[in-house]
Protein backbone atom coordinates (compact mmCIF):
# COMPACT_ATOMS: atom_id res chain seq x y z
CA UNK A 1 24.81 -1.54 -56.98
CA UNK A 2 21.48 -3.13 -56.39
CA UNK A 3 19.14 0.00 -56.48
CA UNK A 4 20.16 0.24 -60.43
CA UNK A 5 19.31 -3.38 -60.89
CA UNK A 6 16.10 -2.80 -59.11
CA UNK A 7 15.51 0.48 -61.09
CA UNK A 8 15.92 -1.79 -64.55
CA UNK A 9 14.18 -4.87 -63.40
CA UNK A 10 11.07 -2.01 -62.54
CA UNK A 11 11.16 -0.65 -65.79
CA UNK A 12 11.35 -3.92 -67.63
CA UNK A 13 8.56 -5.07 -65.64
CA UNK A 14 6.63 -1.70 -66.28
CA UNK A 15 7.41 -2.01 -70.00
CA UNK A 16 6.18 -5.72 -70.14
CA UNK A 17 3.01 -4.99 -68.57
CA UNK A 18 2.55 -2.15 -70.67
CA UNK A 19 2.90 -3.61 -73.87
CA UNK A 20 1.10 -6.53 -72.66
CA UNK A 21 -1.60 -4.45 -72.17
CA UNK A 22 -1.48 -2.74 -75.58
CA UNK A 23 -1.59 -6.09 -77.43
CA UNK A 24 -5.12 -7.17 -76.02
CA UNK A 25 -6.33 -3.87 -77.06
CA UNK A 26 -4.97 -3.94 -80.41
CA UNK A 27 -6.25 -7.62 -81.09
CA UNK A 28 -9.68 -6.94 -79.38
CA UNK A 29 -9.90 -4.15 -81.97
CA UNK A 30 -9.15 -6.08 -85.01
CA UNK A 31 -11.28 -9.13 -83.69
CA UNK A 32 -14.82 -7.36 -84.65
CA UNK A 33 -13.41 -6.89 -88.10
CA UNK A 34 -12.39 -10.26 -88.68
CA UNK A 35 -15.37 -11.76 -87.04
CA UNK A 36 -17.39 -9.41 -89.40
CA UNK A 37 -15.09 -10.75 -92.57
CA UNK A 38 -15.61 -14.33 -91.56
CA UNK A 39 -19.62 -13.56 -91.54
CA UNK A 40 -19.42 -12.13 -94.73
CA UNK A 41 -17.24 -14.71 -96.28
CA UNK A 42 -19.42 -17.46 -94.55
CA UNK A 43 -22.57 -15.60 -96.21
CA UNK A 44 -21.10 -15.19 -99.23
CA UNK A 45 -20.04 -18.86 -99.74
CA UNK A 46 -23.23 -20.17 -98.58
CA UNK A 47 -24.97 -18.01 -100.96
CA UNK A 48 -22.95 -19.26 -103.69
CA UNK A 49 -22.93 -23.01 -102.73
CA UNK A 50 -26.46 -23.32 -102.85
CA UNK A 51 -26.39 -22.64 -106.54
CA UNK A 52 -23.76 -24.83 -107.34
CA UNK A 53 -25.31 -28.30 -109.04
CA UNK A 54 -23.70 -31.51 -107.92
CA UNK A 55 -23.33 -34.74 -110.00
CA UNK A 56 -26.07 -36.12 -107.82
CA UNK A 57 -28.65 -33.63 -108.22
CA UNK A 58 -31.67 -34.26 -110.21
CA UNK A 59 -31.10 -33.30 -114.10
CA UNK A 60 -33.79 -32.17 -116.49
CA UNK A 61 -33.28 -34.93 -118.76
CA UNK A 62 -32.17 -38.50 -118.02
CA UNK A 63 -31.29 -40.65 -120.54
CA UNK A 64 -34.18 -42.85 -120.49
CA UNK A 65 -36.90 -39.62 -120.79
CA UNK A 66 -35.48 -37.65 -123.40
CA UNK A 67 -37.67 -39.55 -126.17
CA UNK A 68 -40.79 -39.22 -124.00
CA UNK A 69 -40.15 -35.62 -123.51
CA UNK A 70 -39.40 -34.69 -127.33
CA UNK A 71 -42.73 -36.78 -128.21
CA UNK A 72 -45.08 -35.08 -125.29
CA UNK A 73 -43.88 -31.70 -126.81
CA UNK A 74 -44.43 -32.81 -130.24
CA UNK A 75 -48.14 -33.51 -129.29
CA UNK A 76 -48.85 -30.36 -127.22
CA UNK A 77 -47.08 -27.83 -129.51
CA UNK A 78 -47.08 -29.50 -133.00
CA UNK A 79 -50.21 -30.02 -134.93
CA UNK A 80 -51.04 -30.99 -138.20
CA UNK A 81 -49.93 -27.90 -139.86
CA UNK A 82 -46.60 -27.38 -138.27
CA UNK A 83 -43.72 -28.76 -139.95
CA UNK A 84 -41.38 -31.50 -138.30
CA UNK A 85 -38.46 -28.69 -139.01
CA UNK A 86 -40.64 -25.98 -137.39
CA UNK A 87 -41.49 -28.09 -134.38
CA UNK A 88 -37.79 -29.31 -134.06
CA UNK A 89 -36.82 -25.65 -134.07
CA UNK A 90 -39.18 -24.95 -131.37
CA UNK A 91 -38.47 -28.15 -129.29
CA UNK A 92 -34.85 -26.90 -129.37
CA UNK A 93 -35.69 -23.39 -128.60
CA UNK A 94 -37.90 -24.74 -125.53
CA UNK A 95 -35.15 -26.99 -124.15
CA UNK A 96 -32.36 -23.93 -124.43
CA UNK A 97 -34.70 -21.51 -122.72
CA UNK A 98 -35.58 -24.30 -119.82
CA UNK A 99 -31.61 -24.87 -119.62
CA UNK A 100 -30.79 -20.87 -119.43
CA UNK A 101 -33.31 -20.62 -116.62
CA UNK A 102 -32.31 -23.53 -114.63
CA UNK A 103 -28.40 -23.12 -115.11
CA UNK A 104 -28.97 -19.21 -114.82
CA UNK A 105 -25.12 -18.49 -114.42
CA UNK A 106 -24.11 -20.03 -117.94
CA UNK A 107 -23.70 -17.79 -120.37
CA UNK A 108 -26.06 -18.88 -123.41
CA UNK A 109 -23.41 -17.26 -125.65
CA UNK A 110 -20.35 -19.38 -124.35
CA UNK A 111 -22.86 -22.69 -124.72
CA UNK A 112 -23.68 -21.81 -128.33
CA UNK A 113 -19.96 -20.96 -128.88
CA UNK A 114 -18.88 -24.36 -127.61
CA UNK A 115 -21.95 -26.22 -129.44
CA UNK A 116 -20.42 -24.42 -132.51
CA UNK A 117 -16.68 -25.48 -132.05
CA UNK A 118 -17.71 -28.81 -130.63
CA UNK A 119 -20.69 -29.88 -132.26
CA UNK A 120 -20.57 -33.49 -130.42
CA UNK A 121 -20.72 -32.10 -126.77
CA UNK A 122 -24.06 -30.90 -127.86
CA UNK A 123 -25.27 -33.76 -129.78
CA UNK A 124 -27.67 -35.09 -127.41
CA UNK A 125 -29.85 -33.38 -124.72
CA UNK A 126 -28.11 -35.39 -121.95
CA UNK A 127 -24.75 -33.53 -123.10
CA UNK A 128 -26.27 -30.23 -123.46
CA UNK A 129 -27.47 -30.43 -120.14
CA UNK A 130 -23.95 -31.38 -118.58
CA UNK A 131 -22.43 -28.35 -120.63
CA UNK A 132 -24.74 -25.91 -119.10
CA UNK A 133 -24.30 -27.30 -115.73
CA UNK A 134 -20.15 -27.27 -115.93
CA UNK A 135 -20.53 -23.50 -117.22
CA UNK A 136 -23.19 -22.66 -114.69
CA UNK A 137 -20.89 -24.03 -111.86
CA UNK A 138 -17.70 -22.33 -113.36
CA UNK A 139 -19.63 -19.24 -113.26
CA UNK A 140 -20.79 -19.30 -109.50
CA UNK A 141 -17.25 -20.12 -108.54
CA UNK A 142 -15.71 -17.26 -110.39
CA UNK A 143 -18.34 -15.13 -108.69
CA UNK A 144 -18.00 -16.44 -105.28
CA UNK A 145 -13.99 -15.84 -105.81
CA UNK A 146 -14.38 -12.49 -107.01
CA UNK A 147 -17.02 -11.60 -104.30
CA UNK A 148 -14.63 -12.93 -101.48
CA UNK A 149 -11.67 -10.92 -102.78
CA UNK A 150 -13.76 -7.62 -102.64
CA UNK A 151 -14.55 -8.72 -99.06
CA UNK A 152 -10.61 -8.85 -98.45
CA UNK A 153 -10.34 -5.40 -100.22
CA UNK A 154 -12.66 -3.96 -97.46
CA UNK A 155 -10.83 -5.49 -94.84
CA UNK A 156 -7.76 -3.77 -95.97
CA UNK A 157 -9.50 -0.59 -96.31
CA UNK A 158 -9.63 -0.60 -99.84
CA UNK A 159 -13.55 -0.43 -100.04
CA UNK A 160 -16.03 1.26 -98.44
CA UNK A 161 -19.01 -0.37 -96.38
CA UNK A 162 -21.32 1.15 -99.25
CA UNK A 163 -18.76 -0.32 -102.11
CA UNK A 164 -18.98 -3.59 -100.43
CA UNK A 165 -22.62 -4.02 -100.42
CA UNK A 166 -22.72 -2.83 -104.18
CA UNK A 167 -19.95 -5.33 -104.81
CA UNK A 168 -21.42 -8.39 -103.13
CA UNK A 169 -25.41 -7.19 -104.24
CA UNK A 170 -26.36 -7.43 -100.45
CA UNK A 171 -27.81 -4.72 -98.10
CA UNK A 172 -26.19 -5.96 -94.66
CA UNK A 173 -25.08 -4.52 -91.22
CA UNK A 174 -23.82 -5.72 -88.26
CA UNK A 175 -25.27 -5.41 -84.97
CA UNK A 176 -24.22 -6.76 -81.77
CA UNK A 177 -21.45 -8.42 -83.56
CA UNK A 178 -23.84 -10.38 -86.01
CA UNK A 179 -24.46 -10.19 -89.43
CA UNK A 180 -27.68 -9.09 -90.68
CA UNK A 181 -28.70 -9.03 -94.44
CA UNK A 182 -31.83 -7.52 -95.30
CA UNK A 183 -33.96 -9.47 -97.76
CA UNK A 184 -34.26 -7.29 -101.25
CA UNK A 185 -37.38 -5.65 -101.74
CA UNK A 186 -38.96 -5.93 -105.15
């Protein structure tokens, strides 16, 4: 009677040891992938977070500088032969161009559509800049979420490394557990 109990306890202890040895091997195999995922998520998040404008960030137009900016523009670009209407159009185009460059993720067509539908939002340059900022930040956040989703797809084997690189617009590799991102060449 002691012998079967001994064999049973020996089997249980061997099974317990065998299964405990298998678990660390499995978790150590998944750790590099989760470390890679975390590194990619951190990189994508930091790249996007840098592009987000905060309320405390400097603006092109402060309420007290709009008139000075317009006056300087008129003096530089609008001589005697330019009508006030033409000068106003050029000014509006220059401002829109500056906003489009600074707030690069804002869709200019969405800005124009919003201004057409809600003219009060675009009535002054401070409000127009606020609209550009909001659309820019929303677009950056959407891009970030899409890229994080693609990383999840890669984590679950739905994307190859090359497909993920294309989706993230990053040329990266992992070397000794460290994420290396290559600088794009011109």
